[in-house]
Protein backbone atom coordinates (compact mmCIF):
# COMPACT_ATOMS: atom_id res chain seq x y z
CA MET A 1 3.47 12.51 3.86
CA ARG A 2 3.91 12.76 0.10
CA MET A 3 6.49 15.51 0.38
CA CYS A 4 8.44 13.74 3.12
CA LEU A 5 8.50 10.42 1.25
CA THR A 6 8.72 11.24 -2.45
CA SER A 7 9.75 14.88 -2.87
CA ASP A 8 12.58 15.11 -5.40
CA GLN A 9 14.27 17.45 -2.90
CA GLY A 10 15.21 15.20 0.01
CA GLY A 11 12.28 12.77 -0.05
CA TYR A 12 12.82 9.63 2.04
CA TYR A 13 12.59 7.22 -0.91
CA MET A 14 14.30 9.53 -3.40
CA SER A 15 17.79 9.63 -1.87
CA ARG A 16 20.77 8.60 -3.98
CA GLN A 17 23.13 8.96 -1.02
CA GLU A 18 26.02 6.48 -1.06
CA GLY A 19 25.35 3.55 1.25
CA ARG A 20 21.81 4.70 2.12
CA ASP A 21 19.28 1.89 2.14
CA GLN A 22 15.77 2.12 3.57
CA PHE A 23 15.24 -1.65 3.58
CA GLY A 24 16.78 -4.60 5.41
CA GLN A 25 18.79 -4.98 8.60
CA LYS A 26 21.02 -2.00 7.75
CA GLY A 27 18.05 0.20 6.85
CA ASP A 28 15.02 1.42 8.77
CA PHE A 29 12.63 -1.50 8.32
CA ILE A 30 12.41 -4.98 6.85
CA THR A 31 9.58 -6.30 4.68
CA SER A 32 8.19 -9.81 4.19
CA PRO A 33 10.02 -10.49 0.87
CA GLU A 34 13.30 -9.53 2.56
CA ILE A 35 12.59 -11.89 5.47
CA SER A 36 11.97 -15.00 3.38
CA GLN A 37 12.07 -15.90 -0.32
CA ILE A 38 9.02 -18.08 0.29
CA PHE A 39 6.80 -15.02 0.58
CA GLY A 40 7.44 -13.95 -3.03
CA GLU A 41 7.29 -17.54 -4.25
CA LEU A 42 3.80 -17.94 -2.80
CA ILE A 43 2.57 -14.68 -4.32
CA GLY A 44 3.83 -16.01 -7.66
CA ILE A 45 1.95 -19.27 -7.03
CA TRP A 46 -1.18 -17.28 -6.17
CA PHE A 47 -1.04 -15.56 -9.56
CA VAL A 48 -0.49 -18.89 -11.32
CA ALA A 49 -3.55 -20.31 -9.52
CA GLU A 50 -5.67 -17.30 -10.53
CA TRP A 51 -4.45 -17.55 -14.13
CA MET A 52 -5.44 -21.23 -14.18
CA ALA A 53 -8.83 -20.58 -12.58
CA GLN A 54 -9.58 -17.93 -15.19
CA GLY A 55 -9.08 -20.24 -18.17
CA ARG A 56 -5.31 -20.17 -18.73
CA LYS A 57 -5.04 -17.25 -21.17
CA SER A 58 -2.31 -17.91 -23.73
CA LYS A 59 -1.44 -14.25 -24.25
CA GLY A 60 -2.06 -10.76 -22.95
CA VAL A 61 -0.99 -11.37 -19.35
CA GLU A 62 0.75 -8.47 -17.58
CA LEU A 63 2.47 -8.51 -14.20
CA VAL A 64 2.20 -5.18 -12.39
CA GLU A 65 3.79 -4.30 -9.06
CA ILE A 66 3.03 -1.04 -7.29
CA GLY A 67 5.86 0.19 -5.07
CA PRO A 68 8.39 -2.61 -5.75
CA GLY A 69 10.98 -1.63 -3.11
CA ARG A 70 14.31 -3.19 -4.09
CA GLY A 71 12.61 -5.59 -6.51
CA THR A 72 12.92 -8.63 -4.24
CA LEU A 73 9.25 -9.60 -4.41
CA MET A 74 9.05 -9.43 -8.21
CA ASP A 75 12.34 -11.31 -8.53
CA ASP A 76 11.01 -14.19 -6.41
CA MET A 77 7.71 -14.14 -8.31
CA LEU A 78 9.35 -14.30 -11.75
CA ARG A 79 11.76 -17.02 -10.64
CA THR A 80 8.77 -19.06 -9.48
CA ILE A 81 6.43 -18.40 -12.40
CA ARG A 82 9.06 -19.46 -14.97
CA ASN A 83 8.57 -23.02 -13.67
CA PHE A 84 5.00 -22.88 -14.99
CA LYS A 85 5.82 -22.66 -18.68
CA PRO A 86 2.30 -22.04 -20.10
CA MET A 87 1.73 -19.02 -17.84
CA ALA A 88 5.30 -17.77 -18.21
CA SER A 89 4.89 -17.75 -22.01
CA SER A 90 1.60 -15.84 -21.73
CA ILE A 91 3.22 -12.87 -19.95
CA GLU A 92 3.82 -10.00 -22.34
CA ALA A 93 5.34 -7.43 -19.97
CA VAL A 94 6.25 -6.62 -16.39
CA TYR A 95 5.30 -3.13 -15.20
CA LEU A 96 6.85 -1.60 -12.08
CA VAL A 97 5.21 1.55 -10.74
CA GLU A 98 8.06 3.37 -9.00
CA ALA A 99 8.62 7.06 -8.25
CA SER A 100 12.16 6.78 -6.84
CA PRO A 101 15.10 6.88 -9.30
CA SER A 102 17.42 5.21 -6.78
CA LEU A 103 15.01 2.34 -6.12
CA ARG A 104 14.39 2.00 -9.86
CA ASP A 105 18.14 1.52 -10.34
CA ALA A 106 18.20 -1.17 -7.63
CA GLN A 107 15.23 -2.96 -9.21
CA LYS A 108 16.82 -2.85 -12.65
CA GLN A 109 20.06 -4.35 -11.35
CA LEU A 110 18.26 -7.20 -9.59
CA LEU A 111 15.70 -8.00 -12.28
CA CYS A 112 17.64 -7.24 -15.46
CA GLY A 113 21.33 -7.42 -14.58
CA ASP A 114 23.53 -5.90 -17.27
CA ALA A 115 20.75 -5.54 -19.85
CA PRO A 116 20.61 -1.95 -21.14
CA MET A 117 17.90 0.42 -19.91
CA MET A 118 16.32 2.88 -22.31
CA GLU A 119 13.99 5.81 -21.79
CA THR A 120 10.45 5.46 -23.17
CA SER A 121 7.38 7.67 -23.51
CA ILE A 122 6.05 6.47 -20.14
CA GLY A 123 9.31 5.92 -18.24
CA PHE A 124 12.09 3.36 -18.72
CA GLN A 125 12.46 -0.16 -20.12
CA SER A 126 14.89 -3.05 -19.86
CA THR A 127 14.78 -6.84 -20.28
CA SER A 128 14.26 -9.48 -17.61
CA LYS A 129 17.16 -11.77 -16.82
CA TYR A 130 14.72 -14.70 -16.67
CA ALA A 131 13.35 -14.40 -20.20
CA ASP A 132 13.19 -12.07 -23.17
CA LEU A 133 10.52 -10.16 -21.31
CA PRO A 134 10.23 -6.35 -21.23
CA VAL A 135 10.41 -4.79 -17.76
CA ILE A 136 8.87 -1.34 -17.88
CA TRP A 137 9.04 1.38 -15.22
CA THR A 138 6.56 4.21 -14.84
CA GLU A 139 5.74 6.63 -12.04
CA ASN A 140 1.99 6.07 -11.88
CA ILE A 141 -0.32 3.20 -12.77
CA ARG A 142 -2.28 5.59 -14.99
CA PHE A 143 0.65 5.50 -17.42
CA VAL A 144 0.42 1.71 -17.80
CA PRO A 145 -1.41 1.17 -21.13
CA GLU A 146 -4.99 -0.12 -20.85
CA ASP A 147 -6.37 -2.75 -23.21
CA ASP A 148 -9.62 -4.69 -22.95
CA GLU A 149 -7.80 -7.82 -24.11
CA LYS A 150 -5.11 -7.68 -21.43
CA ALA A 151 -5.19 -9.53 -18.11
CA PRO A 152 -3.36 -7.46 -15.46
CA PHE A 153 -2.11 -9.38 -12.42
CA ILE A 154 -1.35 -6.68 -9.86
CA VAL A 155 0.45 -6.88 -6.53
CA ALA A 156 0.71 -4.06 -3.99
CA HIS A 157 2.77 -5.06 -0.97
CA GLU A 158 3.25 -2.43 1.74
CA PHE A 159 2.30 0.26 -0.73
CA PHE A 160 -1.00 1.61 0.57
CA ASP A 161 0.41 2.24 4.06
CA ALA A 162 2.74 4.88 2.56
CA LEU A 163 0.01 6.86 0.78
CA PRO A 164 -1.01 10.19 2.33
CA ILE A 165 -3.86 10.32 4.82
CA HIS A 166 -6.16 13.07 6.06
CA ALA A 167 -7.12 12.94 9.74
CA PHE A 168 -10.34 14.45 11.08
CA GLN A 169 -11.99 14.95 14.45
CA SER A 170 -15.66 15.62 15.11
CA ILE A 171 -16.33 18.66 17.31
CA SER A 172 -19.43 19.99 19.05
CA PRO A 173 -21.36 22.81 17.35
CA SER A 174 -20.20 26.40 17.80
CA ASN A 175 -22.06 29.69 17.41
CA SER A 176 -19.07 31.47 15.88
CA LEU A 177 -19.27 32.43 12.21
CA GLN A 178 -16.46 31.25 9.93
CA ASP A 179 -15.73 33.91 7.31
CA THR A 180 -12.45 32.53 5.91
CA ILE A 181 -11.24 29.10 4.87
CA PRO A 182 -7.63 27.80 4.85
CA THR A 183 -6.41 26.33 1.55
CA PRO A 184 -2.98 25.25 0.19
CA THR A 185 -2.62 28.74 -1.32
CA GLY A 186 -3.45 30.56 1.91
CA GLU A 187 -6.41 31.90 3.85
CA HIS A 188 -9.30 32.99 1.63
CA LYS A 189 -12.35 35.12 2.40
CA LEU A 190 -15.71 33.43 2.02
CA TYR A 191 -18.77 34.99 0.40
CA PRO A 192 -21.38 35.85 3.08
CA GLU A 193 -23.74 33.16 1.77
CA ALA A 194 -21.00 30.51 2.02
CA ALA A 195 -19.99 31.69 5.49
CA LYS A 196 -23.58 31.44 6.69
CA GLY A 197 -23.79 27.90 5.30
CA LEU A 198 -20.74 26.90 7.35
CA GLN A 199 -22.19 28.15 10.65
CA ALA A 200 -22.40 25.01 12.74
CA LYS A 201 -25.91 23.75 13.45
CA GLY A 202 -24.58 20.42 14.65
CA PRO A 203 -21.28 18.59 15.12
CA GLN A 204 -18.66 19.33 12.46
CA TRP A 205 -15.52 17.69 11.20
CA ARG A 206 -12.24 19.52 11.73
CA GLU A 207 -9.03 18.50 10.00
CA MET A 208 -5.84 17.69 11.89
CA VAL A 209 -3.13 19.83 10.28
CA VAL A 210 0.67 19.88 10.57
CA SER A 211 2.00 22.96 12.36
CA PRO A 212 5.49 24.04 13.51
CA THR A 213 6.22 23.42 17.17
CA PRO A 214 7.10 26.43 19.40
CA PRO A 215 10.85 27.25 19.58
CA ASP A 216 10.98 26.28 23.28
CA ALA A 217 9.00 23.05 22.85
CA THR A 218 10.00 20.01 24.91
CA HIS A 219 8.93 16.38 24.78
CA ALA A 220 6.85 17.07 27.89
CA SER A 221 5.04 20.08 26.42
CA LEU A 222 4.35 18.17 23.20
CA ASN A 223 3.24 15.00 25.04
CA THR A 224 5.66 12.95 22.97
CA LEU A 225 5.30 9.24 23.66
CA LYS A 226 8.12 7.92 25.85
CA SER A 227 8.90 5.25 23.26
CA GLN A 228 9.59 8.03 20.72
CA GLN A 229 11.73 10.24 22.95
CA SER A 230 14.97 8.35 23.62
CA SER A 231 17.88 10.61 22.62
CA ASN A 232 15.85 12.32 19.89
CA PRO A 233 15.25 16.09 20.11
CA PRO A 234 11.63 17.32 20.25
CA PRO A 235 9.95 17.04 16.82
CA GLU A 236 9.94 20.11 14.59
CA PHE A 237 6.23 19.76 13.86
CA GLN A 238 3.01 18.79 15.61
CA LEU A 239 -0.56 17.87 14.71
CA THR A 240 -3.11 20.51 15.67
CA LEU A 241 -6.86 20.75 15.15
CA SER A 242 -7.83 23.29 12.51
CA LYS A 243 -9.81 26.15 14.07
CA SER A 244 -12.14 26.26 11.09
CA SER A 245 -13.39 24.03 8.30
CA THR A 246 -11.04 23.15 5.47
CA PRO A 247 -12.08 22.06 1.96
CA HIS A 248 -11.13 18.48 2.84
CA SER A 249 -13.12 18.47 6.11
CA LEU A 250 -16.24 19.59 4.24
CA TYR A 251 -15.98 16.83 1.65
CA LEU A 252 -13.98 13.71 2.53
CA PRO A 253 -15.82 12.64 5.73
CA GLU A 254 -19.11 12.91 3.84
CA ILE A 255 -18.26 10.45 1.04
CA ASN A 256 -19.07 7.29 3.01
CA ARG A 257 -21.71 6.35 5.55
CA ARG A 258 -19.03 4.79 7.77
CA TYR A 259 -17.66 8.28 8.37
CA ARG A 260 -20.97 10.14 8.45
CA VAL A 261 -22.41 8.10 11.31
CA LEU A 262 -19.48 9.15 13.53
CA LYS A 263 -19.97 12.86 12.93
CA SER A 264 -22.67 13.12 15.61
CA GLN A 265 -20.29 11.73 18.22
CA PRO A 266 -17.97 14.60 19.28
CA GLU A 267 -14.28 13.69 19.60
CA SER A 268 -14.61 10.90 17.01
CA LEU A 269 -11.39 10.45 15.03
CA ILE A 270 -11.05 9.07 11.51
CA GLU A 271 -8.32 8.77 8.86
CA ILE A 272 -9.08 8.84 5.14
CA SER A 273 -6.69 8.23 2.24
CA PRO A 274 -8.31 9.42 -1.01
CA GLU A 275 -5.23 8.42 -3.01
CA SER A 276 -5.64 4.86 -1.71
CA HIS A 277 -9.25 4.85 -2.90
CA ALA A 278 -8.09 6.02 -6.34
CA TYR A 279 -5.59 3.16 -6.67
CA ALA A 280 -8.17 0.56 -5.59
CA GLN A 281 -10.58 1.98 -8.17
CA GLU A 282 -7.88 1.79 -10.85
CA PHE A 283 -7.16 -1.86 -10.01
CA ALA A 284 -10.85 -2.71 -10.25
CA ARG A 285 -11.42 -0.87 -13.54
CA ARG A 286 -8.49 -2.61 -15.21
CA ILE A 287 -9.75 -6.03 -14.10
CA GLY A 288 -13.49 -5.61 -14.58
CA GLY A 289 -14.13 -2.48 -16.61
CA THR A 290 -16.74 0.13 -15.61
CA SER A 291 -20.51 0.47 -15.87
CA LYS A 292 -20.11 2.80 -18.86
CA ASP A 293 -17.28 0.82 -20.43
CA PRO A 294 -17.53 -2.82 -19.25
CA LYS A 295 -14.71 -5.20 -20.02
CA THR A 296 -15.83 -7.81 -22.53
CA SER A 297 -14.40 -10.58 -20.40
CA PRO A 298 -13.17 -9.46 -16.95
CA SER A 299 -9.73 -10.91 -16.29
CA GLY A 300 -6.67 -10.50 -14.13
CA ALA A 301 -6.45 -10.08 -10.36
CA ALA A 302 -5.00 -7.83 -7.71
CA ILE A 303 -3.66 -8.82 -4.31
CA ILE A 304 -3.04 -6.22 -1.63
CA LEU A 305 -0.83 -7.10 1.34
CA ASP A 306 -0.47 -4.50 4.06
CA TYR A 307 -1.23 -3.77 7.69
CA GLY A 308 -4.32 -2.27 9.23
CA PRO A 309 -7.66 -3.24 10.82
CA SER A 310 -9.95 -5.66 9.01
CA ASP A 311 -13.18 -3.71 9.31
CA THR A 312 -12.73 -0.55 11.39
CA ILE A 313 -11.64 2.95 10.45
CA PRO A 314 -7.99 3.67 11.34
CA THR A 315 -7.33 6.34 13.99
CA ASN A 316 -4.10 7.84 15.32
CA SER A 317 -2.09 5.45 13.17
CA LEU A 318 0.50 7.78 11.63
CA ARG A 319 3.90 6.42 12.61
CA GLY A 320 7.57 7.04 12.00
CA ILE A 321 10.30 4.38 11.78
CA ARG A 322 14.03 4.99 11.76
CA GLY A 323 16.72 2.39 12.35
CA HIS A 324 14.04 -0.23 13.18
CA ARG A 325 12.74 1.95 16.04
CA ARG A 326 9.58 3.99 16.44
CA VAL A 327 10.22 7.73 16.33
CA SER A 328 7.92 10.72 16.02
CA PRO A 329 6.51 10.87 12.48
CA LEU A 330 6.80 14.65 12.73
CA SER A 331 10.57 14.68 13.26
CA SER A 332 13.48 14.75 10.78
CA PRO A 333 11.43 15.11 7.56
CA GLY A 334 12.92 13.04 4.74
CA MET A 335 14.96 10.86 7.10
CA VAL A 336 12.08 8.94 8.70
CA ASP A 337 9.85 6.33 7.09
CA LEU A 338 6.21 7.38 7.42
CA SER A 339 3.23 5.07 7.26
CA ALA A 340 -0.37 4.73 8.43
CA ASP A 341 -2.80 1.85 8.83
CA VAL A 342 -4.67 0.76 5.71
CA ASP A 343 -8.48 0.96 5.72
CA PHE A 344 -9.25 -2.30 3.93
CA THR A 345 -13.01 -1.76 4.03
CA ALA A 346 -12.58 1.61 2.30
CA LEU A 347 -10.44 -0.04 -0.40
CA ALA A 348 -13.11 -2.72 -0.93
CA ASP A 349 -15.88 -0.10 -1.17
CA ALA A 350 -13.85 1.96 -3.65
CA ALA A 351 -13.14 -1.06 -5.86
CA LEU A 352 -16.76 -2.25 -5.89
CA ASP A 353 -18.05 1.25 -6.62
CA ALA A 354 -15.62 1.58 -9.54
CA SER A 355 -16.44 -1.67 -11.33
CA PRO A 356 -19.42 -4.03 -11.47
CA GLY A 357 -17.10 -6.63 -12.97
CA VAL A 358 -15.12 -7.45 -9.82
CA GLU A 359 -15.61 -8.97 -6.41
CA ILE A 360 -13.58 -8.68 -3.21
CA HIS A 361 -12.21 -11.44 -1.00
CA GLY A 362 -10.72 -10.76 2.41
CA PRO A 363 -9.04 -9.19 4.11
CA VAL A 364 -7.69 -12.28 5.82
CA GLU A 365 -4.79 -12.33 8.23
CA GLN A 366 -1.43 -12.82 6.53
CA GLY A 367 -0.68 -15.85 8.68
CA THR A 368 -3.89 -17.56 7.56
CA PHE A 369 -3.24 -16.69 3.92
CA LEU A 370 0.36 -17.93 3.85
CA LEU A 371 -0.41 -21.14 5.74
CA SER A 372 -3.21 -21.96 3.31
CA MET A 373 -0.81 -21.27 0.43
CA GLY A 374 1.64 -23.86 1.80
CA ILE A 375 4.39 -21.82 3.47
CA LYS A 376 5.10 -24.54 6.02
CA GLU A 377 5.41 -27.25 3.38
CA ARG A 378 7.65 -25.10 1.17
CA ALA A 379 9.91 -24.32 4.13
CA GLU A 380 10.23 -28.02 4.91
CA ILE A 381 11.35 -28.71 1.34
CA LEU A 382 13.97 -25.95 1.51
CA ILE A 383 15.24 -27.17 4.87
CA LYS A 384 15.49 -30.75 3.64
CA GLY A 385 17.72 -29.60 0.78
CA LEU A 386 20.20 -27.94 3.14
CA GLY A 387 21.56 -31.15 4.60
CA ASN A 388 23.45 -30.48 7.84
CA ASP A 389 23.76 -26.69 7.51
CA GLU A 390 22.13 -26.00 10.85
CA GLU A 391 22.53 -22.23 10.69
CA LYS A 392 20.62 -21.92 7.39
CA ARG A 393 18.02 -24.40 8.58
CA LYS A 394 17.34 -22.25 11.65
CA ARG A 395 17.20 -19.09 9.54
CA ILE A 396 14.55 -20.53 7.21
CA GLU A 397 12.57 -21.89 10.15
CA SER A 398 12.54 -18.62 12.08
CA SER A 399 11.81 -16.56 8.95
CA TRP A 400 8.67 -18.35 7.82
CA LYS A 401 7.36 -18.55 11.35
CA ARG A 402 7.81 -14.80 11.80
CA LEU A 403 5.65 -14.18 8.73
CA VAL A 404 2.75 -16.23 10.12
CA ASP A 405 3.19 -15.73 13.88
CA LYS A 406 0.11 -14.00 15.30
CA GLY A 407 1.84 -12.98 18.52
CA GLY A 408 3.16 -9.52 19.38
CA SER A 409 6.45 -9.86 17.50
CA GLY A 410 5.03 -11.70 14.48
CA MET A 411 3.49 -10.42 11.26
CA GLY A 412 0.74 -12.98 10.87
CA LYS A 413 -2.09 -11.04 12.50
CA VAL A 414 -1.50 -7.32 11.93
CA TYR A 415 -0.72 -7.83 8.21
CA LYS A 416 -3.67 -8.67 5.97
CA ALA A 417 -4.27 -9.90 2.43
CA MET A 418 -7.15 -8.80 0.21
CA ALA A 419 -7.95 -9.85 -3.35
CA ILE A 420 -9.78 -8.14 -6.22
CA VAL A 421 -10.82 -10.70 -8.84
CA PRO A 422 -13.33 -10.91 -11.72
CA GLU A 423 -16.94 -11.13 -10.56
CA ALA A 424 -18.08 -14.76 -10.51
CA GLY A 425 -21.42 -14.57 -8.76
CA GLY A 426 -20.00 -16.11 -5.61
CA LYS A 427 -19.25 -19.39 -7.41
CA ARG A 428 -15.50 -19.35 -6.71
CA ARG A 429 -13.21 -18.20 -3.94
CA PRO A 430 -9.54 -17.59 -4.75
CA VAL A 431 -6.79 -19.80 -3.37
CA GLY A 432 -5.67 -18.47 0.01
CA PHE A 433 -9.10 -17.01 0.65
CA GLY A 434 -10.92 -20.27 1.25
CA GLY A 435 -11.04 -21.49 -2.34
CA ASP A 436 -9.33 -23.74 -4.85
CA ILE A 437 -8.18 -23.44 -8.45
CA ALA A 438 -11.22 -25.01 -10.07
CA PRO A 439 -14.40 -22.82 -10.26
């Protein structure tokens, strides 16, 4: 997934091809900020509410977005937050974690206009068009400076679904002895003691690996879903079950009890995204510190908005999207958007394990979150200001309803929101998650 999406040689998000756009009606998919400006406005309001609930810091606030797309969400957030002068003046910098040079250029144009961009030690920097505020780009959140006195307000919208996953299947025990192990650098011989230790005494996890399809493969022989066939040729690759243990299959399914309990049930399928866990841990550490290095006063917040089950482990969720249609995720590498369901429970576990100074709220369905944040009321205000422009009125009406609709074509149920906030002993729930501004 990482190579197909972010390789500097033909990665899906890395293209600088003239007229190529992954987002919007002319692209492959459309995201909530592109559907309605209200989405970004309400995320901005959520951060204002959290800032107020945490004592209204007068300095040291940082806005951080992971995977900013075209910059639409951050643009709507900044435009909204500037109306709350005390918080706006407390913001010291905006950080955008972006790996794609072409998307970085689009973000700079939208957020900074004609302001010059300069290269820095961690990436690039320009100035926001809304205020004399530095906008800083870097390729990984680890490059964003850490400071105990800072309050990072982090948003990750449709970011985790694009992070690589590992898929595993539990198989019944076998009497065969495994004397080699496949690794990224090839097949390696095992020491006899290690080989004996791998001899299955009970069910084992096997990793699903990507393999080339046979030259004469057809949709029928590959069991390609009918919805993914259309006029597309058979995919160049397929998922196959590794014939032996891999380093990942020996480690990843053992890190959490949720996975371990399924091992004894042959044919069980699970998906694990260790990179997702690492990002959730990083969010938590920046907000609440760690057991060894606690933050003097935990501050900041992170909100994650993505799609996936609320409390179950994702299975068979790898998908490909091209031209707003489902296609095989194993076809046309670099030309297809790849994503997988987010395991929100795994993110929550990772964050809580990383920092004793945070607590988790949610996930809640996006429709519930946005309605509690006032999306309906905001839409009514916008519509009222349009006078007799019926076409725009209908567009606003249909857009906000699509974001909260919990039916098959809506985004209100499958998309979820989850918050990481400073630990408060259960005394306060964030706005949108059943709480109010006041502790």
